[in-house]
C-alpha cells in the first residue's frame, strides 16, 4: 500500500497500477522528503515528477507545500491512476486564505518524458526522476540534458536508481550534491552547476 506520508493529505492511500511501475518505498520517500523539509525546499515550489507512476513523489510534494506539480507518465493505466490520485489530493487541499494565496495546481501529462521536456516552456524548482530500473543510462543522460534550460538556478534534482546502476551522466549542466543508499536503491541529489568564474 502506498500512502502520502505527511502534509495536508497525510495518510491518504494512493491508487497504484497493478503492473508496469515500481513505486518508491515509503522508507525511501520519507527520507527524501525529510531532507527536503530540513532545507525548507518545498513551500511554494514548482515540482516536476518524471516517470511518475502513481504520482506519489509529486503528490507528496504537493501535500507538503509545493504550489505547482506536473506529473509526467506515458503509461495509460498509470496516467489514469495519477489523475485519480491528483484529484483526491486536490479535494483535500486547503482553500485559499486570501487573494494573494496561490491555489495548488496539479497537471498530468501523458507524453513520453523526452517529448514532454522538448515541448514544455515551464520552469521547475524541484525535479524527481524515478525511471524504470531498466531505463538506459544514455536515455537518462538525454533527460538530464533536456532539463538543463528548464530548471531554476537553485533547483534540486533527485534521481532514484538501482544501487547497481552507475552515477547518472550529469553533463556540464548539473553537479552532484550527494548520494544516499537504501538497500538496492540509490538516491542521487544534484543541482545546476555554477558557471565558471570570470578570469
C-alpha atoms as a PDB file:
ATOM      1  CA  UNK A   1       0.000   0.000   0.000  1.00  0.00           C
ATOM      2  CA  UNK A   2       1.313   3.447  -0.960  1.00  0.00           C
ATOM      3  CA  UNK A   3       0.271   6.468   1.081  1.00  0.00           C
ATOM      4  CA  UNK A   4       1.052  10.162   1.355  1.00  0.00           C
ATOM      5  CA  UNK A   5       3.391  10.352   4.345  1.00  0.00           C
ATOM      6  CA  UNK A   6       2.838  13.891   5.630  1.00  0.00           C
ATOM      7  CA  UNK A   7       1.275  17.293   4.958  1.00  0.00           C
ATOM      8  CA  UNK A   8      -2.376  18.177   4.449  1.00  0.00           C
ATOM      9  CA  UNK A   9      -3.023  14.885   2.591  1.00  0.00           C
ATOM     10  CA  UNK A  10      -1.015  12.774   5.050  1.00  0.00           C
ATOM     11  CA  UNK A  11      -2.170   9.130   5.290  1.00  0.00           C
ATOM     12  CA  UNK A  12      -4.161   9.358   2.013  1.00  0.00           C
ATOM     13  CA  UNK A  13      -3.940   5.962   0.297  1.00  0.00           C
ATOM     14  CA  UNK A  14      -2.906   6.235  -3.352  1.00  0.00           C
ATOM     15  CA  UNK A  15      -4.070   4.096  -6.242  1.00  0.00           C
ATOM     16  CA  UNK A  16      -1.116   2.173  -7.693  1.00  0.00           C
ATOM     17  CA  UNK A  17      -1.064   0.389 -11.073  1.00  0.00           C
ATOM     18  CA  UNK A  18      -1.133  -3.392 -10.726  1.00  0.00           C
ATOM     19  CA  UNK A  19       1.898  -3.739 -13.012  1.00  0.00           C
ATOM     20  CA  UNK A  20       4.397  -1.743 -15.022  1.00  0.00           C
ATOM     21  CA  UNK A  21       5.571   0.582 -12.249  1.00  0.00           C
ATOM     22  CA  UNK A  22       7.943   0.346  -9.285  1.00  0.00           C
ATOM     23  CA  UNK A  23       6.664   2.628  -6.510  1.00  0.00           C
ATOM     24  CA  UNK A  24       9.259   4.297  -4.312  1.00  0.00           C
ATOM     25  CA  UNK A  25       9.153   2.613  -0.908  1.00  0.00           C
ATOM     26  CA  UNK A  26       7.670   4.597   1.974  1.00  0.00           C
ATOM     27  CA  UNK A  27      11.060   4.440   3.733  1.00  0.00           C
ATOM     28  CA  UNK A  28      12.936   5.986   0.803  1.00  0.00           C
ATOM     29  CA  UNK A  29      10.223   8.558   0.141  1.00  0.00           C
ATOM     30  CA  UNK A  30      10.153   9.612   3.797  1.00  0.00           C
ATOM     31  CA  UNK A  31      13.951  10.010   3.796  1.00  0.00           C
ATOM     32  CA  UNK A  32      13.829  12.118   0.603  1.00  0.00           C
ATOM     33  CA  UNK A  33      11.196  14.442   1.978  1.00  0.00           C
ATOM     34  CA  UNK A  34      12.795  14.727   5.398  1.00  0.00           C
ATOM     35  CA  UNK A  35      15.882  16.024   3.584  1.00  0.00           C
ATOM     36  CA  UNK A  36      13.759  18.489   1.591  1.00  0.00           C
ATOM     37  CA  UNK A  37      11.868  19.647   4.677  1.00  0.00           C
ATOM     38  CA  UNK A  38      15.152  20.208   6.520  1.00  0.00           C
ATOM     39  CA  UNK A  39      16.144  22.617   3.731  1.00  0.00           C
ATOM     40  CA  UNK A  40      12.642  24.200   3.675  1.00  0.00           C
ATOM     41  CA  UNK A  41      12.823  23.429  -0.031  1.00  0.00           C
ATOM     42  CA  UNK A  42       9.181  22.675  -0.863  1.00  0.00           C
ATOM     43  CA  UNK A  43       6.881  25.555   0.056  1.00  0.00           C
ATOM     44  CA  UNK A  44       5.652  27.448  -2.984  1.00  0.00           C
ATOM     45  CA  UNK A  45       7.771  25.491  -5.459  1.00  0.00           C
ATOM     46  CA  UNK A  46       7.186  24.210  -8.987  1.00  0.00           C
ATOM     47  CA  UNK A  47       7.713  20.454  -8.963  1.00  0.00           C
ATOM     48  CA  UNK A  48       8.209  18.063 -11.882  1.00  0.00           C
ATOM     49  CA  UNK A  49       7.756  14.320 -11.362  1.00  0.00           C
ATOM     50  CA  UNK A  50       9.107  12.364 -14.351  1.00  0.00           C
ATOM     51  CA  UNK A  51       8.163   8.686 -14.858  1.00  0.00           C
ATOM     52  CA  UNK A  52       5.521   9.464 -12.243  1.00  0.00           C
ATOM     53  CA  UNK A  53       3.898   6.017 -11.900  1.00  0.00           C
ATOM     54  CA  UNK A  54       1.182   6.633  -9.297  1.00  0.00           C
ATOM     55  CA  UNK A  55       2.369  10.226  -8.831  1.00  0.00           C
ATOM     56  CA  UNK A  56       3.441   9.530  -5.251  1.00  0.00           C
ATOM     57  CA  UNK A  57       6.547  11.753  -5.287  1.00  0.00           C
ATOM     58  CA  UNK A  58       4.927  14.776  -6.888  1.00  0.00           C
ATOM     59  CA  UNK A  59       1.775  14.423  -4.771  1.00  0.00           C
ATOM     60  CA  UNK A  60       3.822  14.105  -1.584  1.00  0.00           C
ATOM     61  CA  UNK A  61       5.452  17.397  -2.566  1.00  0.00           C
ATOM     62  CA  UNK A  62       2.006  18.925  -3.127  1.00  0.00           C
ATOM     63  CA  UNK A  63       0.846  17.780   0.294  1.00  0.00           C
ATOM     64  CA  UNK A  64       3.895  19.396   1.883  1.00  0.00           C
ATOM     65  CA  UNK A  65       3.524  22.809   0.270  1.00  0.00           C
ATOM     66  CA  UNK A  66       4.516  22.767  -3.412  1.00  0.00           C
ATOM     67  CA  UNK A  67       2.405  25.195  -5.453  1.00  0.00           C
ATOM     68  CA  UNK A  68       2.530  23.691  -8.959  1.00  0.00           C
ATOM     69  CA  UNK A  69       3.065  19.973  -9.607  1.00  0.00           C
ATOM     70  CA  UNK A  70       3.431  18.338 -13.013  1.00  0.00           C
ATOM     71  CA  UNK A  71       3.241  14.550 -13.280  1.00  0.00           C
ATOM     72  CA  UNK A  72       4.633  13.012 -16.481  1.00  0.00           C
ATOM     73  CA  UNK A  73       3.570   9.424 -17.116  1.00  0.00           C
ATOM     74  CA  UNK A  74       3.346   7.808 -20.541  1.00  0.00           C
ATOM     75  CA  UNK A  75       1.678   4.534 -19.478  1.00  0.00           C
ATOM     76  CA  UNK A  76      -2.072   4.675 -19.997  1.00  0.00           C
ATOM     77  CA  UNK A  77      -3.078   2.824 -16.822  1.00  0.00           C
ATOM     78  CA  UNK A  78      -0.545   4.623 -14.654  1.00  0.00           C
ATOM     79  CA  UNK A  79      -1.609   8.018 -16.025  1.00  0.00           C
ATOM     80  CA  UNK A  80      -5.206   7.211 -15.070  1.00  0.00           C
ATOM     81  CA  UNK A  81      -4.025   6.433 -11.544  1.00  0.00           C
ATOM     82  CA  UNK A  82      -2.104   9.724 -11.469  1.00  0.00           C
ATOM     83  CA  UNK A  83      -5.278  11.619 -12.352  1.00  0.00           C
ATOM     84  CA  UNK A  84      -7.341   9.818  -9.696  1.00  0.00           C
ATOM     85  CA  UNK A  85      -4.680  10.428  -7.062  1.00  0.00           C
ATOM     86  CA  UNK A  86      -4.244  14.063  -8.074  1.00  0.00           C
ATOM     87  CA  UNK A  87      -7.999  14.638  -7.826  1.00  0.00           C
ATOM     88  CA  UNK A  88      -8.025  13.107  -4.335  1.00  0.00           C
ATOM     89  CA  UNK A  89      -5.170  15.369  -3.198  1.00  0.00           C
ATOM     90  CA  UNK A  90      -6.811  18.460  -4.698  1.00  0.00           C
ATOM     91  CA  UNK A  91     -10.051  17.705  -2.842  1.00  0.00           C
ATOM     92  CA  UNK A  92      -8.096  17.779   0.422  1.00  0.00           C
ATOM     93  CA  UNK A  93      -6.078  20.914  -0.378  1.00  0.00           C
ATOM     94  CA  UNK A  94      -6.612  23.907   1.914  1.00  0.00           C
ATOM     95  CA  UNK A  95      -8.714  26.689   0.457  1.00  0.00           C
ATOM     96  CA  UNK A  96      -7.007  29.969  -0.385  1.00  0.00           C
ATOM     97  CA  UNK A  97      -6.832  32.154   2.732  1.00  0.00           C
ATOM     98  CA  UNK A  98      -6.575  35.375   0.744  1.00  0.00           C
ATOM     99  CA  UNK A  99      -6.444  36.719  -2.792  1.00  0.00           C
ATOM    100  CA  UNK A 100      -2.638  36.699  -2.519  1.00  0.00           C
ATOM    101  CA  UNK A 101      -2.533  32.950  -1.972  1.00  0.00           C
ATOM    102  CA  UNK A 102      -1.994  30.631  -4.905  1.00  0.00           C
ATOM    103  CA  UNK A 103      -4.262  27.623  -5.272  1.00  0.00           C
ATOM    104  CA  UNK A 104      -2.495  24.309  -5.710  1.00  0.00           C
ATOM    105  CA  UNK A 105      -2.281  23.248  -9.345  1.00  0.00           C
ATOM    106  CA  UNK A 106      -1.592  19.641 -10.389  1.00  0.00           C
ATOM    107  CA  UNK A 107      -1.409  18.569 -14.028  1.00  0.00           C
ATOM    108  CA  UNK A 108      -0.818  15.168 -15.602  1.00  0.00           C
ATOM    109  CA  UNK A 109       0.978  14.823 -18.936  1.00  0.00           C
ATOM    110  CA  UNK A 110       0.731  11.551 -20.855  1.00  0.00           C
ATOM    111  CA  UNK A 111       3.658  12.334 -23.161  1.00  0.00           C
ATOM    112  CA  UNK A 112       6.879  10.371 -23.157  1.00  0.00           C
ATOM    113  CA  UNK A 113       9.389  12.084 -20.880  1.00  0.00           C
ATOM    114  CA  UNK A 114      11.768  13.224 -23.623  1.00  0.00           C
ATOM    115  CA  UNK A 115       8.866  14.552 -25.731  1.00  0.00           C
ATOM    116  CA  UNK A 116       7.493  16.463 -22.739  1.00  0.00           C
ATOM    117  CA  UNK A 117      10.891  18.004 -21.972  1.00  0.00           C
ATOM    118  CA  UNK A 118      11.348  19.043 -25.603  1.00  0.00           C
ATOM    119  CA  UNK A 119       7.939  20.739 -25.732  1.00  0.00           C
ATOM    120  CA  UNK A 120       7.435  22.373 -22.344  1.00  0.00           C
ATOM    121  CA  UNK A 121       8.245  26.011 -21.662  1.00  0.00           C
ATOM    122  CA  UNK A 122       7.585  25.716 -17.924  1.00  0.00           C
ATOM    123  CA  UNK A 123      10.294  26.181 -15.318  1.00  0.00           C
ATOM    124  CA  UNK A 124      10.852  23.951 -12.281  1.00  0.00           C
ATOM    125  CA  UNK A 125      12.426  24.195  -8.834  1.00  0.00           C
ATOM    126  CA  UNK A 126      12.452  20.512  -7.868  1.00  0.00           C
ATOM    127  CA  UNK A 127      12.604  17.571 -10.276  1.00  0.00           C
ATOM    128  CA  UNK A 128      12.064  13.940  -9.313  1.00  0.00           C
ATOM    129  CA  UNK A 129      13.360  11.364 -11.782  1.00  0.00           C
ATOM    130  CA  UNK A 130      12.390   7.821 -10.864  1.00  0.00           C
ATOM    131  CA  UNK A 131      12.593   5.853 -14.123  1.00  0.00           C
ATOM    132  CA  UNK A 132      12.241   2.102 -14.535  1.00  0.00           C
ATOM    133  CA  UNK A 133      15.487   0.475 -13.453  1.00  0.00           C
ATOM    134  CA  UNK A 134      15.941  -0.865 -16.990  1.00  0.00           C
ATOM    135  CA  UNK A 135      15.981   2.649 -18.496  1.00  0.00           C
ATOM    136  CA  UNK A 136      19.298   3.025 -20.328  1.00  0.00           C
ATOM    137  CA  UNK A 137      21.978   5.353 -18.993  1.00  0.00           C
ATOM    138  CA  UNK A 138      22.073   7.200 -22.332  1.00  0.00           C
ATOM    139  CA  UNK A 139      18.332   7.913 -22.181  1.00  0.00           C
ATOM    140  CA  UNK A 140      18.641   9.181 -18.619  1.00  0.00           C
ATOM    141  CA  UNK A 141      21.528  11.383 -19.748  1.00  0.00           C
ATOM    142  CA  UNK A 142      19.328  12.775 -22.536  1.00  0.00           C
ATOM    143  CA  UNK A 143      16.631  13.574 -19.955  1.00  0.00           C
ATOM    144  CA  UNK A 144      19.163  15.477 -17.847  1.00  0.00           C
ATOM    145  CA  UNK A 145      20.469  17.422 -20.828  1.00  0.00           C
ATOM    146  CA  UNK A 146      16.915  18.404 -21.834  1.00  0.00           C
ATOM    147  CA  UNK A 147      16.186  19.549 -18.272  1.00  0.00           C
ATOM    148  CA  UNK A 148      19.110  21.973 -18.169  1.00  0.00           C
ATOM    149  CA  UNK A 149      17.271  25.024 -19.616  1.00  0.00           C
ATOM    150  CA  UNK A 150      14.077  24.267 -17.664  1.00  0.00           C
ATOM    151  CA  UNK A 151      15.262  24.488 -14.062  1.00  0.00           C
ATOM    152  CA  UNK A 152      15.842  27.424 -11.728  1.00  0.00           C
ATOM    153  CA  UNK A 153      19.366  28.408 -10.702  1.00  0.00           C
ATOM    154  CA  UNK A 154      18.793  26.967  -7.235  1.00  0.00           C
ATOM    155  CA  UNK A 155      16.856  23.908  -8.424  1.00  0.00           C
ATOM    156  CA  UNK A 156      17.285  20.452  -6.965  1.00  0.00           C
ATOM    157  CA  UNK A 157      17.212  17.201  -8.962  1.00  0.00           C
ATOM    158  CA  UNK A 158      16.532  13.924  -7.177  1.00  0.00           C
ATOM    159  CA  UNK A 159      17.234  10.776  -9.181  1.00  0.00           C
ATOM    160  CA  UNK A 160      16.309   7.314  -7.924  1.00  0.00           C
ATOM    161  CA  UNK A 161      18.143   4.354  -9.470  1.00  0.00           C
ATOM    162  CA  UNK A 162      19.151   0.811  -8.721  1.00  0.00           C
ATOM    163  CA  UNK A 163      22.213   0.632  -6.498  1.00  0.00           C
ATOM    164  CA  UNK A 164      23.806  -1.413  -9.322  1.00  0.00           C
ATOM    165  CA  UNK A 165      23.432   1.470 -11.799  1.00  0.00           C
ATOM    166  CA  UNK A 166      26.318   3.885 -12.360  1.00  0.00           C
ATOM    167  CA  UNK A 167      26.135   7.519 -11.328  1.00  0.00           C
ATOM    168  CA  UNK A 168      23.949   9.479 -13.786  1.00  0.00           C
ATOM    169  CA  UNK A 169      25.805  11.358 -16.520  1.00  0.00           C
ATOM    170  CA  UNK A 170      25.193  14.891 -15.254  1.00  0.00           C
ATOM    171  CA  UNK A 171      26.932  16.552 -18.191  1.00  0.00           C
ATOM    172  CA  UNK A 172      28.095  20.146 -17.794  1.00  0.00           C
ATOM    173  CA  UNK A 173      24.720  21.449 -16.600  1.00  0.00           C
ATOM    174  CA  UNK A 174      24.486  19.695 -13.222  1.00  0.00           C
ATOM    175  CA  UNK A 175      26.759  18.633 -10.409  1.00  0.00           C
ATOM    176  CA  UNK A 176      26.313  16.005  -7.738  1.00  0.00           C
ATOM    177  CA  UNK A 177      25.463  17.217  -4.233  1.00  0.00           C
ATOM    178  CA  UNK A 178      25.316  13.821  -2.508  1.00  0.00           C
ATOM    179  CA  UNK A 179      24.114  10.251  -2.760  1.00  0.00           C
ATOM    180  CA  UNK A 180      22.235   8.078  -0.289  1.00  0.00           C
ATOM    181  CA  UNK A 181      21.924   4.305  -0.426  1.00  0.00           C
ATOM    182  CA  UNK A 182      18.886   2.382   0.806  1.00  0.00           C
ATOM    183  CA  UNK A 183      19.392  -1.340   0.199  1.00  0.00           C
ATOM    184  CA  UNK A 184      19.069  -1.899  -3.550  1.00  0.00           C
ATOM    185  CA  UNK A 185      18.059   1.743  -4.168  1.00  0.00           C
ATOM    186  CA  UNK A 186      20.356   4.743  -4.565  1.00  0.00           C
ATOM    187  CA  UNK A 187      19.106   8.327  -4.465  1.00  0.00           C
ATOM    188  CA  UNK A 188      21.258  10.966  -6.157  1.00  0.00           C
ATOM    189  CA  UNK A 189      20.842  14.672  -5.327  1.00  0.00           C
ATOM    190  CA  UNK A 190      22.163  17.188  -7.865  1.00  0.00           C
ATOM    191  CA  UNK A 191      21.906  20.890  -8.560  1.00  0.00           C
ATOM    192  CA  UNK A 192      22.708  23.167 -11.518  1.00  0.00           C
ATOM    193  CA  UNK A 193      26.433  23.618 -11.991  1.00  0.00           C
ATOM    194  CA  UNK A 194      27.800  27.034 -11.127  1.00  0.00           C
ATOM    195  CA  UNK A 195      29.085  28.990 -14.138  1.00  0.00           C
ATOM    196  CA  UNK A 196      32.869  29.171 -14.326  1.00  0.00           C
ATOM    197  CA  UNK A 197      34.404  32.096 -12.517  1.00  0.00           C
ATOM    198  CA  UNK A 198      35.410  35.058 -14.659  1.00  0.00           C
ATOM    199  CA  UNK A 199      39.160  35.215 -15.317  1.00  0.00           C
END
